[in-house]
Amino acid sequence: MSFIIDVNEEQVQPEERFLIIDSLYSFEFPKSIDELNRNRYPNNDEEFELIKQEFEAFIRESKNPNLYSVGMYKSYADLNLPKTYGIVFDLNNKERFWKQKIIVKYAYNYRDIFHANLWQGHSSHLIIEVIGKPPILFDELPVDNNREDNKRTTIGICSQYDWEFIRKK
């Protein structure tokens, strides 16, 4: 028998509270609510109505030039979106970091389940908003998870508070 344990952010040590972005994803933003596949969601109509509202907000925002489609490796906790972070860093070289506002806005799992939260332990396709000019790290990410060589940039994003702990680790 297996149990699903919900892990909220407060249960995670500060040095572990960061998301890992490992690639840029090419992605065609949805054009209408018809692209939300009802069959992929629970039969609870109230929950689905909330998802529809988030999806409609996503469609309205799809022209925002500051939105990026990225791959995220395993969420450290269950997180409600949107979630704002203040530090972007190179996971392989923590001397390369920027104070930069990043808002994780939306997520997809299994390529077609749109949702407004992250699930602890799951990798997701994220839609993020970078406020201001993105750090050069974003130019160094592989596209569509295509890693042709061993050099690989992996980005961490975290809060300014957590950064002090992550940096020392």
C-alpha atoms as a PDB file:
ATOM      1  CA  MET A   1       0.000   0.000   0.000  1.00  0.00           C
ATOM      2  CA  SER A   2       1.387   3.432  -0.865  1.00  0.00           C
ATOM      3  CA  PHE A   3       0.475   6.739   0.666  1.00  0.00           C
ATOM      4  CA  ILE A   4       0.681  10.148  -0.955  1.00  0.00           C
ATOM      5  CA  ILE A   5       2.131  12.642   1.476  1.00  0.00           C
ATOM      6  CA  ASP A   6       1.479  16.298   0.829  1.00  0.00           C
ATOM      7  CA  VAL A   7       4.600  18.324   1.530  1.00  0.00           C
ATOM      8  CA  ASN A   8       4.083  22.030   1.968  1.00  0.00           C
ATOM      9  CA  GLU A   9       6.837  24.599   1.640  1.00  0.00           C
ATOM     10  CA  GLU A  10       7.222  25.205   5.379  1.00  0.00           C
ATOM     11  CA  GLN A  11       8.194  21.541   5.867  1.00  0.00           C
ATOM     12  CA  VAL A  12      11.221  21.882   3.573  1.00  0.00           C
ATOM     13  CA  GLN A  13      14.581  23.153   4.829  1.00  0.00           C
ATOM     14  CA  PRO A  14      15.540  26.583   3.376  1.00  0.00           C
ATOM     15  CA  GLU A  15      18.610  25.163   1.585  1.00  0.00           C
ATOM     16  CA  GLU A  16      16.301  22.788  -0.318  1.00  0.00           C
ATOM     17  CA  ARG A  17      13.629  25.350  -1.302  1.00  0.00           C
ATOM     18  CA  PHE A  18      14.402  26.051  -4.923  1.00  0.00           C
ATOM     19  CA  LEU A  19      13.079  25.005  -8.308  1.00  0.00           C
ATOM     20  CA  ILE A  20      15.379  23.623 -10.976  1.00  0.00           C
ATOM     21  CA  ILE A  21      14.827  24.790 -14.541  1.00  0.00           C
ATOM     22  CA  ASP A  22      16.629  22.501 -16.962  1.00  0.00           C
ATOM     23  CA  SER A  23      15.419  23.500 -20.434  1.00  0.00           C
ATOM     24  CA  LEU A  24      13.428  25.879 -22.574  1.00  0.00           C
ATOM     25  CA  TYR A  25      10.407  24.308 -24.237  1.00  0.00           C
ATOM     26  CA  SER A  26       9.037  25.333 -27.565  1.00  0.00           C
ATOM     27  CA  PHE A  27       5.354  25.686 -26.916  1.00  0.00           C
ATOM     28  CA  GLU A  28       2.343  26.884 -28.815  1.00  0.00           C
ATOM     29  CA  PHE A  29       0.191  28.860 -26.418  1.00  0.00           C
ATOM     30  CA  PRO A  30      -3.484  27.868 -26.349  1.00  0.00           C
ATOM     31  CA  LYS A  31      -5.883  29.926 -28.428  1.00  0.00           C
ATOM     32  CA  SER A  32      -9.216  28.963 -26.851  1.00  0.00           C
ATOM     33  CA  ILE A  33     -10.804  27.224 -23.892  1.00  0.00           C
ATOM     34  CA  ASP A  34     -11.585  24.308 -26.237  1.00  0.00           C
ATOM     35  CA  GLU A  35      -7.948  23.224 -25.864  1.00  0.00           C
ATOM     36  CA  LEU A  36      -8.582  22.301 -22.227  1.00  0.00           C
ATOM     37  CA  ASN A  37      -9.315  18.571 -22.330  1.00  0.00           C
ATOM     38  CA  ARG A  38     -12.148  17.972 -19.815  1.00  0.00           C
ATOM     39  CA  ASN A  39     -11.486  14.229 -19.789  1.00  0.00           C
ATOM     40  CA  ARG A  40      -8.088  14.767 -18.117  1.00  0.00           C
ATOM     41  CA  TYR A  41      -9.604  16.265 -14.948  1.00  0.00           C
ATOM     42  CA  PRO A  42     -11.560  14.923 -11.974  1.00  0.00           C
ATOM     43  CA  ASN A  43     -15.304  14.771 -12.268  1.00  0.00           C
ATOM     44  CA  ASN A  44     -15.661  17.528  -9.671  1.00  0.00           C
ATOM     45  CA  ASP A  45     -17.288  20.360 -11.647  1.00  0.00           C
ATOM     46  CA  GLU A  46     -16.348  23.001  -9.073  1.00  0.00           C
ATOM     47  CA  GLU A  47     -12.629  22.162  -9.355  1.00  0.00           C
ATOM     48  CA  PHE A  48     -12.845  22.089 -13.133  1.00  0.00           C
ATOM     49  CA  GLU A  49     -14.503  25.528 -13.172  1.00  0.00           C
ATOM     50  CA  LEU A  50     -11.536  26.918 -11.227  1.00  0.00           C
ATOM     51  CA  ILE A  51      -9.116  25.318 -13.696  1.00  0.00           C
ATOM     52  CA  LYS A  52     -11.094  26.853 -16.580  1.00  0.00           C
ATOM     53  CA  GLN A  53     -10.782  30.305 -15.021  1.00  0.00           C
ATOM     54  CA  GLU A  54      -7.003  29.909 -14.688  1.00  0.00           C
ATOM     55  CA  PHE A  55      -6.767  28.602 -18.255  1.00  0.00           C
ATOM     56  CA  GLU A  56      -8.738  31.576 -19.594  1.00  0.00           C
ATOM     57  CA  ALA A  57      -6.355  33.934 -17.741  1.00  0.00           C
ATOM     58  CA  PHE A  58      -3.462  32.051 -19.340  1.00  0.00           C
ATOM     59  CA  ILE A  59      -4.964  32.498 -22.814  1.00  0.00           C
ATOM     60  CA  ARG A  60      -5.418  36.247 -22.232  1.00  0.00           C
ATOM     61  CA  GLU A  61      -1.805  36.539 -21.116  1.00  0.00           C
ATOM     62  CA  SER A  62      -0.257  34.481 -23.917  1.00  0.00           C
ATOM     63  CA  LYS A  63       0.931  37.571 -25.829  1.00  0.00           C
ATOM     64  CA  ASN A  64       3.110  38.677 -22.895  1.00  0.00           C
ATOM     65  CA  PRO A  65       6.695  38.769 -24.281  1.00  0.00           C
ATOM     66  CA  ASN A  66       8.121  38.103 -20.810  1.00  0.00           C
ATOM     67  CA  LEU A  67       6.578  34.623 -20.618  1.00  0.00           C
ATOM     68  CA  TYR A  68       8.917  31.669 -20.988  1.00  0.00           C
ATOM     69  CA  SER A  69       8.065  28.037 -21.438  1.00  0.00           C
ATOM     70  CA  VAL A  70      10.515  25.945 -19.385  1.00  0.00           C
ATOM     71  CA  GLY A  71      11.062  22.470 -18.050  1.00  0.00           C
ATOM     72  CA  MET A  72      11.256  22.097 -14.273  1.00  0.00           C
ATOM     73  CA  TYR A  73      12.801  19.144 -12.483  1.00  0.00           C
ATOM     74  CA  LYS A  74      10.892  17.848  -9.432  1.00  0.00           C
ATOM     75  CA  SER A  75       9.159  20.416  -7.287  1.00  0.00           C
ATOM     76  CA  TYR A  76      10.508  20.566  -3.736  1.00  0.00           C
ATOM     77  CA  ALA A  77       6.971  20.895  -2.279  1.00  0.00           C
ATOM     78  CA  ASP A  78       3.317  21.264  -3.177  1.00  0.00           C
ATOM     79  CA  LEU A  79       3.052  24.882  -4.299  1.00  0.00           C
ATOM     80  CA  ASN A  80       0.072  27.004  -5.266  1.00  0.00           C
ATOM     81  CA  LEU A  81       0.665  29.206  -8.278  1.00  0.00           C
ATOM     82  CA  PRO A  82       1.441  31.942  -8.985  1.00  0.00           C
ATOM     83  CA  LYS A  83       4.643  31.760  -6.935  1.00  0.00           C
ATOM     84  CA  THR A  84       7.195  34.589  -6.936  1.00  0.00           C
ATOM     85  CA  TYR A  85      10.948  34.127  -6.533  1.00  0.00           C
ATOM     86  CA  GLY A  86      13.692  36.757  -6.282  1.00  0.00           C
ATOM     87  CA  ILE A  87      16.955  34.972  -7.113  1.00  0.00           C
ATOM     88  CA  VAL A  88      18.124  33.185 -10.268  1.00  0.00           C
ATOM     89  CA  PHE A  89      21.336  31.182 -10.063  1.00  0.00           C
ATOM     90  CA  ASP A  90      23.501  28.731 -11.957  1.00  0.00           C
ATOM     91  CA  LEU A  91      23.107  25.453 -10.093  1.00  0.00           C
ATOM     92  CA  ASN A  92      26.595  24.373 -11.179  1.00  0.00           C
ATOM     93  CA  ASN A  93      28.302  27.658 -10.242  1.00  0.00           C
ATOM     94  CA  LYS A  94      26.577  29.558  -7.447  1.00  0.00           C
ATOM     95  CA  GLU A  95      28.883  32.544  -8.002  1.00  0.00           C
ATOM     96  CA  ARG A  96      26.676  33.245 -11.024  1.00  0.00           C
ATOM     97  CA  PHE A  97      23.463  34.615  -9.556  1.00  0.00           C
ATOM     98  CA  TRP A  98      21.111  37.510 -10.192  1.00  0.00           C
ATOM     99  CA  LYS A  99      18.483  39.291  -8.166  1.00  0.00           C
ATOM    100  CA  GLN A 100      15.609  38.862 -10.579  1.00  0.00           C
ATOM    101  CA  LYS A 101      11.889  38.620 -10.077  1.00  0.00           C
ATOM    102  CA  ILE A 102      10.508  35.414 -11.589  1.00  0.00           C
ATOM    103  CA  ILE A 103       6.851  34.478 -11.303  1.00  0.00           C
ATOM    104  CA  VAL A 104       5.924  30.836 -11.854  1.00  0.00           C
ATOM    105  CA  LYS A 105       2.443  31.274 -13.276  1.00  0.00           C
ATOM    106  CA  TYR A 106       1.131  28.028 -14.776  1.00  0.00           C
ATOM    107  CA  ALA A 107       2.102  24.398 -15.171  1.00  0.00           C
ATOM    108  CA  TYR A 108       1.431  21.368 -17.318  1.00  0.00           C
ATOM    109  CA  ASN A 109       1.932  17.748 -16.366  1.00  0.00           C
ATOM    110  CA  TYR A 110       1.955  14.780 -18.694  1.00  0.00           C
ATOM    111  CA  ARG A 111       1.959  17.286 -21.607  1.00  0.00           C
ATOM    112  CA  ASP A 112      -1.769  17.972 -21.435  1.00  0.00           C
ATOM    113  CA  ILE A 113      -2.920  18.502 -17.843  1.00  0.00           C
ATOM    114  CA  PHE A 114      -2.975  22.240 -17.213  1.00  0.00           C
ATOM    115  CA  HIS A 115      -2.975  23.193 -13.558  1.00  0.00           C
ATOM    116  CA  ALA A 116      -2.399  26.076 -11.172  1.00  0.00           C
ATOM    117  CA  ASN A 117      -0.157  24.311  -8.679  1.00  0.00           C
ATOM    118  CA  LEU A 118       2.978  22.185  -8.484  1.00  0.00           C
ATOM    119  CA  TRP A 119       3.095  18.729  -6.992  1.00  0.00           C
ATOM    120  CA  GLN A 120       5.992  17.752  -4.755  1.00  0.00           C
ATOM    121  CA  GLY A 121       8.349  15.331  -6.494  1.00  0.00           C
ATOM    122  CA  HIS A 122       6.861  15.894  -9.969  1.00  0.00           C
ATOM    123  CA  SER A 123       8.618  17.432 -12.929  1.00  0.00           C
ATOM    124  CA  SER A 124       6.500  19.914 -14.862  1.00  0.00           C
ATOM    125  CA  HIS A 125       6.374  22.129 -17.906  1.00  0.00           C
ATOM    126  CA  LEU A 126       6.127  25.662 -16.496  1.00  0.00           C
ATOM    127  CA  ILE A 127       5.081  29.010 -17.852  1.00  0.00           C
ATOM    128  CA  ILE A 128       7.117  31.645 -16.039  1.00  0.00           C
ATOM    129  CA  GLU A 129       7.261  35.409 -16.276  1.00  0.00           C
ATOM    130  CA  VAL A 130      10.659  37.082 -16.044  1.00  0.00           C
ATOM    131  CA  ILE A 131      10.306  40.676 -14.869  1.00  0.00           C
ATOM    132  CA  GLY A 132      12.883  42.773 -16.698  1.00  0.00           C
ATOM    133  CA  LYS A 133      15.704  41.511 -18.883  1.00  0.00           C
ATOM    134  CA  PRO A 134      16.328  37.796 -18.307  1.00  0.00           C
ATOM    135  CA  PRO A 135      19.781  36.735 -17.095  1.00  0.00           C
ATOM    136  CA  ILE A 136      22.105  35.226 -19.711  1.00  0.00           C
ATOM    137  CA  LEU A 137      21.532  31.828 -18.112  1.00  0.00           C
ATOM    138  CA  PHE A 138      18.302  31.535 -20.073  1.00  0.00           C
ATOM    139  CA  ASP A 139      20.269  31.761 -23.331  1.00  0.00           C
ATOM    140  CA  GLU A 140      22.389  28.814 -22.161  1.00  0.00           C
ATOM    141  CA  LEU A 141      19.521  26.394 -21.522  1.00  0.00           C
ATOM    142  CA  PRO A 142      18.985  23.504 -23.925  1.00  0.00           C
ATOM    143  CA  VAL A 143      15.810  23.712 -26.020  1.00  0.00           C
ATOM    144  CA  ASP A 144      13.208  20.951 -25.674  1.00  0.00           C
ATOM    145  CA  ASN A 145      15.458  19.036 -23.301  1.00  0.00           C
ATOM    146  CA  ASN A 146      17.928  18.424 -26.158  1.00  0.00           C
ATOM    147  CA  ARG A 147      21.351  18.066 -24.584  1.00  0.00           C
ATOM    148  CA  GLU A 148      23.862  17.508 -27.375  1.00  0.00           C
ATOM    149  CA  ASP A 149      26.945  17.903 -25.214  1.00  0.00           C
ATOM    150  CA  ASN A 150      27.975  17.416 -21.608  1.00  0.00           C
ATOM    151  CA  LYS A 151      28.030  21.139 -20.856  1.00  0.00           C
ATOM    152  CA  ARG A 152      24.671  21.897 -19.413  1.00  0.00           C
ATOM    153  CA  THR A 153      23.335  24.953 -17.686  1.00  0.00           C
ATOM    154  CA  THR A 154      20.756  24.313 -15.031  1.00  0.00           C
ATOM    155  CA  ILE A 155      19.005  27.236 -13.376  1.00  0.00           C
ATOM    156  CA  GLY A 156      17.840  27.424  -9.802  1.00  0.00           C
ATOM    157  CA  ILE A 157      15.214  29.923  -8.670  1.00  0.00           C
ATOM    158  CA  CYS A 158      14.514  30.712  -5.041  1.00  0.00           C
ATOM    159  CA  SER A 159      13.498  33.433  -2.597  1.00  0.00           C
ATOM    160  CA  GLN A 160      16.056  35.936  -1.386  1.00  0.00           C
ATOM    161  CA  TYR A 161      15.691  34.550   2.141  1.00  0.00           C
ATOM    162  CA  ASP A 162      16.367  30.961   1.057  1.00  0.00           C
ATOM    163  CA  TRP A 163      19.270  32.047  -1.160  1.00  0.00           C
ATOM    164  CA  GLU A 164      21.476  32.741   1.880  1.00  0.00           C
ATOM    165  CA  PHE A 165      21.100  29.076   2.929  1.00  0.00           C
ATOM    166  CA  ILE A 166      21.340  27.607  -0.599  1.00  0.00           C
ATOM    167  CA  ARG A 167      24.470  29.594  -1.349  1.00  0.00           C
ATOM    168  CA  LYS A 168      26.285  28.150   1.673  1.00  0.00           C
ATOM    169  CA  LYS A 169      25.358  24.548   0.907  1.00  0.00           C
END
